[in-house]
């Protein structure tokens, strides 16, 4: 069974995941959340977990707290980080990452990342899934993310071609 942190509808964006998703959060101050280059690691079909990587940027003038994430393919999506524990590395939940104005959260292999858990059917490489991020203020932004074994490469032309979508909450 799939569970979602926010039941508001997601808006489908550019299918290559090179998209920049932009959201405005209600209130007297305007805050903006920018998600770029999001991708999800392809795993063998019998796996029930995978990770998502990309960059989340607060382009607004107020701090943004990320309360969670969701995807139709996963029962849960959480922010995790890899931490060294002696000779081993383990993944631990990050809680609620908060981004100050202008701050970026880089989701990278071996560092902070999205953990997609409880996957009944692993998406195949070269497909696209939708991932939604939720803020404590109630904002929700969704973007399409390519599924790939390794980080997708961008052409210079594609990296300069950005699509912006905004939603008011």
Protein backbone atom coordinates (compact mmCIF):
# COMPACT_ATOMS: atom_id res chain seq x y z
CA UNK A 1 0.00 0.00 0.00
CA UNK A 2 1.34 3.41 -0.93
CA UNK A 3 1.24 6.22 1.59
CA UNK A 4 1.77 9.88 0.90
CA UNK A 5 2.78 12.71 3.21
CA UNK A 6 0.64 15.20 1.32
CA UNK A 7 -2.50 14.29 -0.57
CA UNK A 8 -2.64 17.47 -2.65
CA UNK A 9 -2.23 16.78 -6.37
CA UNK A 10 1.24 16.97 -7.87
CA UNK A 11 1.92 18.81 -11.07
CA UNK A 12 3.90 16.81 -13.67
CA UNK A 13 6.93 18.68 -14.89
CA UNK A 14 9.58 18.16 -17.57
CA UNK A 15 10.12 14.39 -18.00
CA UNK A 16 13.93 14.45 -18.07
CA UNK A 17 14.37 15.52 -14.46
CA UNK A 18 16.60 18.37 -15.64
CA UNK A 19 13.67 20.53 -14.76
CA UNK A 20 13.70 23.16 -12.13
CA UNK A 21 10.56 23.07 -10.04
CA UNK A 22 9.56 26.32 -8.37
CA UNK A 23 7.00 26.72 -5.63
CA UNK A 24 5.62 29.67 -3.70
CA UNK A 25 4.56 29.08 -0.12
CA UNK A 26 1.64 31.04 1.34
CA UNK A 27 2.11 33.59 4.05
CA UNK A 28 3.17 37.17 4.38
CA UNK A 29 6.68 36.33 3.25
CA UNK A 30 7.32 34.57 -0.03
CA UNK A 31 9.64 31.56 -0.02
CA UNK A 32 10.73 29.58 -3.04
CA UNK A 33 11.99 26.04 -3.33
CA UNK A 34 13.97 25.03 -6.41
CA UNK A 35 14.58 21.34 -7.23
CA UNK A 36 17.09 20.56 -9.97
CA UNK A 37 18.68 17.51 -11.60
CA UNK A 38 16.71 15.01 -9.51
CA UNK A 39 17.31 11.36 -10.47
CA UNK A 40 16.63 7.96 -8.89
CA UNK A 41 19.07 5.05 -8.84
CA UNK A 42 18.02 1.95 -10.80
CA UNK A 43 18.20 -1.22 -8.69
CA UNK A 44 17.57 -4.94 -9.39
CA UNK A 45 13.85 -5.83 -9.61
CA UNK A 46 13.85 -7.72 -6.27
CA UNK A 47 15.07 -4.69 -4.27
CA UNK A 48 12.54 -2.76 -2.16
CA UNK A 49 14.61 0.41 -1.63
CA UNK A 50 16.49 2.91 -3.73
CA UNK A 51 17.83 6.45 -3.43
CA UNK A 52 17.22 9.78 -5.13
CA UNK A 53 19.78 12.52 -5.78
CA UNK A 54 19.73 16.12 -6.98
CA UNK A 55 19.88 19.65 -5.60
CA UNK A 56 17.25 21.48 -3.55
CA UNK A 57 17.74 25.26 -3.24
CA UNK A 58 15.91 27.87 -1.20
CA UNK A 59 15.78 30.88 -3.55
CA UNK A 60 13.48 32.87 -1.28
CA UNK A 61 14.00 35.25 1.62
CA UNK A 62 12.73 32.98 4.45
CA UNK A 63 13.94 29.61 5.76
CA UNK A 64 12.17 26.54 4.37
CA UNK A 65 11.78 23.34 6.42
CA UNK A 66 11.38 20.17 4.34
CA UNK A 67 8.92 17.98 6.23
CA UNK A 68 8.97 15.05 3.84
CA UNK A 69 8.73 13.58 0.39
CA UNK A 70 6.59 11.06 -1.47
CA UNK A 71 6.40 9.02 -4.66
CA UNK A 72 3.67 6.75 -5.98
CA UNK A 73 6.23 3.91 -6.29
CA UNK A 74 7.24 3.91 -2.59
CA UNK A 75 5.41 3.40 0.69
CA UNK A 76 7.77 5.95 2.30
CA UNK A 77 10.26 8.54 1.14
CA UNK A 78 12.59 10.07 3.72
CA UNK A 79 15.59 12.38 3.79
CA UNK A 80 18.63 10.33 4.87
CA UNK A 81 22.34 10.88 5.13
CA UNK A 82 25.27 8.49 5.09
CA UNK A 83 27.42 8.65 8.21
CA UNK A 84 30.69 6.89 8.97
CA UNK A 85 30.54 4.63 12.01
CA UNK A 86 34.02 3.21 12.54
CA UNK A 87 34.90 1.17 9.45
CA UNK A 88 31.35 1.11 8.14
CA UNK A 89 28.92 3.61 6.68
CA UNK A 90 25.26 3.59 7.62
CA UNK A 91 22.25 5.59 6.55
CA UNK A 92 20.33 7.58 9.14
CA UNK A 93 17.19 9.73 8.80
CA UNK A 94 17.89 13.47 8.61
CA UNK A 95 14.67 14.55 10.27
CA UNK A 96 13.46 17.89 8.90
CA UNK A 97 16.18 19.59 6.85
CA UNK A 98 15.83 23.38 6.99
CA UNK A 99 17.30 25.55 4.26
CA UNK A 100 18.21 29.17 5.01
CA UNK A 101 17.66 31.71 2.21
CA UNK A 102 20.09 30.90 -0.61
CA UNK A 103 21.12 27.58 0.95
CA UNK A 104 21.34 24.36 -1.09
CA UNK A 105 20.86 20.77 0.01
CA UNK A 106 22.90 18.57 -2.30
CA UNK A 107 21.58 15.03 -2.46
CA UNK A 108 24.58 12.95 -3.54
CA UNK A 109 25.70 9.32 -3.38
CA UNK A 110 27.55 8.82 -0.09
CA UNK A 111 25.95 11.92 1.48
CA UNK A 112 22.46 13.33 1.96
CA UNK A 113 19.85 11.64 -0.26
CA UNK A 114 16.20 10.70 -0.58
CA UNK A 115 15.51 7.13 0.50
CA UNK A 116 12.56 5.52 -1.31
CA UNK A 117 11.38 2.52 0.76
CA UNK A 118 8.69 -0.11 0.48
CA UNK A 119 8.84 -0.37 -3.29
CA UNK A 120 6.67 -3.21 -4.60
CA UNK A 121 7.90 -2.97 -8.19
CA UNK A 122 11.29 -1.36 -8.81
CA UNK A 123 11.16 1.05 -11.76
CA UNK A 124 13.31 0.04 -14.70
CA UNK A 125 16.31 2.05 -15.87
CA UNK A 126 15.51 4.64 -18.52
CA UNK A 127 12.01 5.25 -17.12
CA UNK A 128 10.78 8.28 -15.19
CA UNK A 129 9.03 8.54 -11.83
CA UNK A 130 7.45 11.46 -10.01
CA UNK A 131 8.85 12.62 -6.66
CA UNK A 132 7.14 15.24 -4.49
CA UNK A 133 8.73 17.32 -1.72
CA UNK A 134 6.61 18.76 1.11
CA UNK A 135 7.43 21.74 3.31
CA UNK A 136 6.30 22.37 6.89
CA UNK A 137 4.42 25.41 5.60
CA UNK A 138 2.26 23.08 3.50
CA UNK A 139 3.92 23.68 0.14
CA UNK A 140 4.22 20.73 -2.21
CA UNK A 141 6.38 20.54 -5.31
CA UNK A 142 6.67 17.58 -7.64
CA UNK A 143 9.07 16.81 -10.44
CA UNK A 144 9.79 13.93 -12.75
CA UNK A 145 13.05 12.10 -12.08
CA UNK A 146 14.79 9.77 -14.52
CA UNK A 147 15.68 6.31 -13.22
CA UNK A 148 19.30 5.47 -14.02
CA UNK A 149 22.08 3.20 -12.76
CA UNK A 150 24.44 6.20 -12.72
CA UNK A 151 23.95 9.94 -12.59
CA UNK A 152 22.46 11.13 -15.87
CA UNK A 153 24.69 13.35 -17.97
CA UNK A 154 23.50 16.69 -19.22
CA UNK A 155 24.29 18.38 -22.45
CA UNK A 156 25.18 22.08 -22.19
CA UNK A 157 22.06 22.95 -24.20
CA UNK A 158 19.78 20.92 -21.91
CA UNK A 159 21.31 22.30 -18.71
CA UNK A 160 20.54 25.85 -19.86
CA UNK A 161 16.96 24.97 -20.80
CA UNK A 162 14.87 25.24 -17.62
CA UNK A 163 11.14 24.97 -17.02
CA UNK A 164 9.64 26.76 -14.04
CA UNK A 165 6.27 25.93 -12.53
CA UNK A 166 4.79 27.52 -9.46
CA UNK A 167 1.85 26.76 -7.24
CA UNK A 168 0.35 29.02 -4.57
CA UNK A 169 -0.79 27.39 -1.32
